Amino acid sequence: MHELARHLGVSPYTLHGWRTKGWLHARQVGGRGGPWAVWAGGTEVDRLRALKECPRVWANRDRLAALRVPTVRA
């Protein structure tokens, strides 16, 4: 989670918030209190980067709604 946060230029707390909202695929490794594993391939990283950079204004509401849906994992 921390590595992806650095790569995207966001706080790990931001990613945890996105995780709790269901905006990215993640699971806790090793049980409660363990580290988080995040599934984010190339297109998923692009989506997360676009989510980070998209201004939170009314005009972008449809784009933001689409960006908040994680891609289906294979």
N, C-alpha and C. Protein backbone atom coordinates (compact mmCIF):
# COMPACT_ATOMS: atom_id res chain seq x y z
N MET A 1 0.83 -1.19 0.00
CA MET A 1 0.00 0.00 0.00
C MET A 1 0.88 1.26 0.00
N HIS A 2 1.94 1.24 0.80
CA HIS A 2 2.82 2.42 0.87
C HIS A 2 3.55 2.64 -0.44
N GLU A 3 3.95 1.56 -1.09
CA GLU A 3 4.66 1.68 -2.37
C GLU A 3 3.74 2.29 -3.43
N LEU A 4 2.51 1.84 -3.49
CA LEU A 4 1.55 2.39 -4.45
C LEU A 4 1.27 3.86 -4.13
N ALA A 5 1.15 4.19 -2.86
CA ALA A 5 0.92 5.57 -2.46
C ALA A 5 2.06 6.47 -2.93
N ARG A 6 3.29 6.02 -2.75
CA ARG A 6 4.44 6.79 -3.24
C ARG A 6 4.39 6.94 -4.75
N HIS A 7 4.07 5.85 -5.45
CA HIS A 7 4.02 5.86 -6.91
C HIS A 7 2.97 6.85 -7.42
N LEU A 8 1.82 6.92 -6.74
CA LEU A 8 0.75 7.82 -7.16
C LEU A 8 0.93 9.24 -6.63
N GLY A 9 1.77 9.41 -5.62
CA GLY A 9 1.95 10.72 -5.03
C GLY A 9 0.82 11.10 -4.09
N VAL A 10 0.27 10.09 -3.39
CA VAL A 10 -0.79 10.35 -2.41
C VAL A 10 -0.36 9.77 -1.07
N SER A 11 -1.08 10.12 -0.05
CA SER A 11 -0.82 9.58 1.28
C SER A 11 -1.36 8.15 1.36
N PRO A 12 -0.70 7.28 2.15
CA PRO A 12 -1.28 5.95 2.39
C PRO A 12 -2.67 6.04 3.01
N TYR A 13 -2.93 7.10 3.77
CA TYR A 13 -4.25 7.29 4.37
C TYR A 13 -5.31 7.53 3.29
N THR A 14 -4.92 8.19 2.20
CA THR A 14 -5.84 8.38 1.07
C THR A 14 -6.21 7.03 0.48
N LEU A 15 -5.21 6.16 0.27
CA LEU A 15 -5.48 4.84 -0.28
C LEU A 15 -6.35 4.01 0.65
N HIS A 16 -6.11 4.12 1.96
CA HIS A 16 -6.95 3.39 2.91
C HIS A 16 -8.39 3.91 2.84
N GLY A 17 -8.56 5.20 2.66
CA GLY A 17 -9.90 5.75 2.49
C GLY A 17 -10.56 5.22 1.23
N TRP A 18 -9.81 5.18 0.14
CA TRP A 18 -10.34 4.64 -1.12
C TRP A 18 -10.70 3.17 -0.94
N ARG A 19 -9.88 2.44 -0.17
CA ARG A 19 -10.13 1.02 0.07
C ARG A 19 -11.45 0.83 0.81
N THR A 20 -11.66 1.62 1.86
CA THR A 20 -12.88 1.46 2.64
C THR A 20 -14.12 1.85 1.85
N LYS A 21 -13.95 2.73 0.86
CA LYS A 21 -15.07 3.12 0.00
C LYS A 21 -15.28 2.15 -1.16
N GLY A 22 -14.35 1.18 -1.30
CA GLY A 22 -14.49 0.21 -2.37
C GLY A 22 -13.95 0.68 -3.70
N TRP A 23 -13.09 1.68 -3.69
CA TRP A 23 -12.58 2.25 -4.93
C TRP A 23 -11.33 1.54 -5.43
N LEU A 24 -10.79 0.60 -4.66
CA LEU A 24 -9.66 -0.21 -5.12
C LEU A 24 -9.74 -1.59 -4.50
N HIS A 25 -9.09 -2.55 -5.14
CA HIS A 25 -9.08 -3.93 -4.67
C HIS A 25 -7.92 -4.12 -3.70
N ALA A 26 -8.22 -4.56 -2.49
CA ALA A 26 -7.17 -4.79 -1.50
C ALA A 26 -7.65 -5.84 -0.51
N ARG A 27 -6.68 -6.49 0.10
CA ARG A 27 -7.00 -7.43 1.19
C ARG A 27 -5.87 -7.38 2.19
N GLN A 28 -6.21 -7.68 3.42
CA GLN A 28 -5.23 -7.67 4.49
C GLN A 28 -4.52 -9.02 4.54
N VAL A 29 -3.20 -8.98 4.55
CA VAL A 29 -2.38 -10.18 4.56
C VAL A 29 -2.00 -10.51 6.00
N GLY A 30 -2.16 -11.76 6.38
CA GLY A 30 -1.74 -12.17 7.70
C GLY A 30 -2.72 -11.86 8.81
N GLY A 31 -3.96 -11.54 8.46
CA GLY A 31 -4.97 -11.30 9.49
C GLY A 31 -4.99 -9.87 9.99
N ARG A 32 -5.79 -9.67 10.99
CA ARG A 32 -6.00 -8.34 11.55
C ARG A 32 -4.67 -7.71 11.98
N GLY A 33 -4.46 -6.46 11.56
CA GLY A 33 -3.24 -5.74 11.90
C GLY A 33 -2.11 -5.97 10.92
N GLY A 34 -2.31 -6.87 9.95
CA GLY A 34 -1.28 -7.14 8.97
C GLY A 34 -1.25 -6.09 7.87
N PRO A 35 -0.27 -6.16 7.00
CA PRO A 35 -0.18 -5.21 5.89
C PRO A 35 -1.28 -5.46 4.86
N TRP A 36 -1.51 -4.49 4.01
CA TRP A 36 -2.53 -4.58 2.97
C TRP A 36 -1.87 -4.85 1.63
N ALA A 37 -2.44 -5.77 0.88
CA ALA A 37 -2.02 -6.05 -0.49
C ALA A 37 -3.04 -5.42 -1.42
N VAL A 38 -2.56 -4.65 -2.39
CA VAL A 38 -3.44 -3.95 -3.33
C VAL A 38 -3.20 -4.51 -4.72
N TRP A 39 -4.29 -4.80 -5.43
CA TRP A 39 -4.19 -5.25 -6.82
C TRP A 39 -4.34 -4.04 -7.70
N ALA A 40 -3.26 -3.69 -8.41
CA ALA A 40 -3.30 -2.52 -9.29
C ALA A 40 -2.32 -2.73 -10.44
N GLY A 41 -2.84 -3.24 -11.56
CA GLY A 41 -2.04 -3.39 -12.77
C GLY A 41 -1.91 -2.05 -13.47
N GLY A 42 -1.40 -2.07 -14.68
CA GLY A 42 -1.15 -0.84 -15.43
C GLY A 42 -2.38 0.03 -15.63
N THR A 43 -3.48 -0.58 -16.10
CA THR A 43 -4.68 0.22 -16.35
C THR A 43 -5.32 0.68 -15.04
N GLU A 44 -5.19 -0.14 -14.00
CA GLU A 44 -5.75 0.24 -12.69
C GLU A 44 -4.96 1.40 -12.09
N VAL A 45 -3.65 1.37 -12.24
CA VAL A 45 -2.83 2.49 -11.75
C VAL A 45 -3.19 3.76 -12.51
N ASP A 46 -3.41 3.64 -13.82
CA ASP A 46 -3.83 4.81 -14.61
C ASP A 46 -5.16 5.36 -14.11
N ARG A 47 -6.10 4.46 -13.77
CA ARG A 47 -7.40 4.89 -13.26
C ARG A 47 -7.25 5.60 -11.92
N LEU A 48 -6.42 5.05 -11.04
CA LEU A 48 -6.20 5.66 -9.72
C LEU A 48 -5.52 7.02 -9.85
N ARG A 49 -4.59 7.12 -10.77
CA ARG A 49 -3.92 8.40 -11.00
C ARG A 49 -4.92 9.43 -11.52
N ALA A 50 -5.79 9.02 -12.45
CA ALA A 50 -6.82 9.92 -12.97
C ALA A 50 -7.79 10.34 -11.86
N LEU A 51 -8.12 9.40 -10.97
CA LEU A 51 -8.99 9.70 -9.83
C LEU A 51 -8.35 10.76 -8.94
N LYS A 52 -7.07 10.62 -8.71
CA LYS A 52 -6.35 11.58 -7.88
C LYS A 52 -6.34 12.97 -8.52
N GLU A 53 -6.16 13.02 -9.84
CA GLU A 53 -5.97 14.30 -10.53
C GLU A 53 -7.26 14.98 -10.96
N CYS A 54 -8.38 14.26 -10.97
CA CYS A 54 -9.64 14.84 -11.44
C CYS A 54 -10.19 15.82 -10.40
N PRO A 55 -10.41 17.07 -10.81
CA PRO A 55 -10.95 18.04 -9.85
C PRO A 55 -12.32 17.65 -9.34
N ARG A 56 -12.53 17.84 -8.05
CA ARG A 56 -13.82 17.49 -7.41
C ARG A 56 -14.78 18.66 -7.58
N VAL A 57 -15.29 18.82 -8.80
CA VAL A 57 -16.27 19.87 -9.08
C VAL A 57 -17.50 19.23 -9.71
N TRP A 58 -18.60 19.93 -9.67
CA TRP A 58 -19.87 19.42 -10.16
C TRP A 58 -19.79 18.99 -11.63
N ALA A 59 -19.05 19.73 -12.42
CA ALA A 59 -18.94 19.43 -13.85
C ALA A 59 -18.29 18.06 -14.10
N ASN A 60 -17.51 17.56 -13.16
CA ASN A 60 -16.82 16.27 -13.31
C ASN A 60 -17.52 15.12 -12.60
N ARG A 61 -18.74 15.29 -12.15
CA ARG A 61 -19.41 14.28 -11.33
C ARG A 61 -19.53 12.94 -12.05
N ASP A 62 -19.84 12.94 -13.34
CA ASP A 62 -19.97 11.68 -14.07
C ASP A 62 -18.62 11.00 -14.25
N ARG A 63 -17.60 11.77 -14.56
CA ARG A 63 -16.25 11.22 -14.72
C ARG A 63 -15.75 10.64 -13.39
N LEU A 64 -15.97 11.37 -12.31
CA LEU A 64 -15.56 10.87 -11.00
C LEU A 64 -16.30 9.60 -10.62
N ALA A 65 -17.58 9.53 -10.94
CA ALA A 65 -18.36 8.31 -10.64
C ALA A 65 -17.77 7.12 -11.37
N ALA A 66 -17.36 7.32 -12.63
CA ALA A 66 -16.76 6.22 -13.40
C ALA A 66 -15.38 5.85 -12.86
N LEU A 67 -14.60 6.83 -12.44
CA LEU A 67 -13.25 6.58 -11.94
C LEU A 67 -13.26 5.88 -10.59
N ARG A 68 -14.34 5.98 -9.86
CA ARG A 68 -14.42 5.37 -8.53
C ARG A 68 -14.76 3.88 -8.57
N VAL A 69 -15.02 3.36 -9.75
CA VAL A 69 -15.35 1.93 -9.90
C VAL A 69 -14.10 1.17 -10.30
N PRO A 70 -13.62 0.26 -9.45
CA PRO A 70 -12.40 -0.49 -9.80
C PRO A 70 -12.65 -1.42 -10.98
N THR A 71 -11.60 -1.67 -11.76
CA THR A 71 -11.72 -2.59 -12.87
C THR A 71 -11.86 -4.01 -12.31
N VAL A 72 -12.48 -4.86 -13.08
CA VAL A 72 -12.72 -6.23 -12.66
C VAL A 72 -11.39 -6.99 -12.66
N ARG A 73 -11.14 -7.68 -11.56
CA ARG A 73 -9.92 -8.49 -11.45
C ARG A 73 -10.11 -9.80 -12.17
N ALA A 74 -9.05 -10.24 -12.81
CA ALA A 74 -9.12 -11.54 -13.51
C ALA A 74 -8.79 -12.69 -12.59
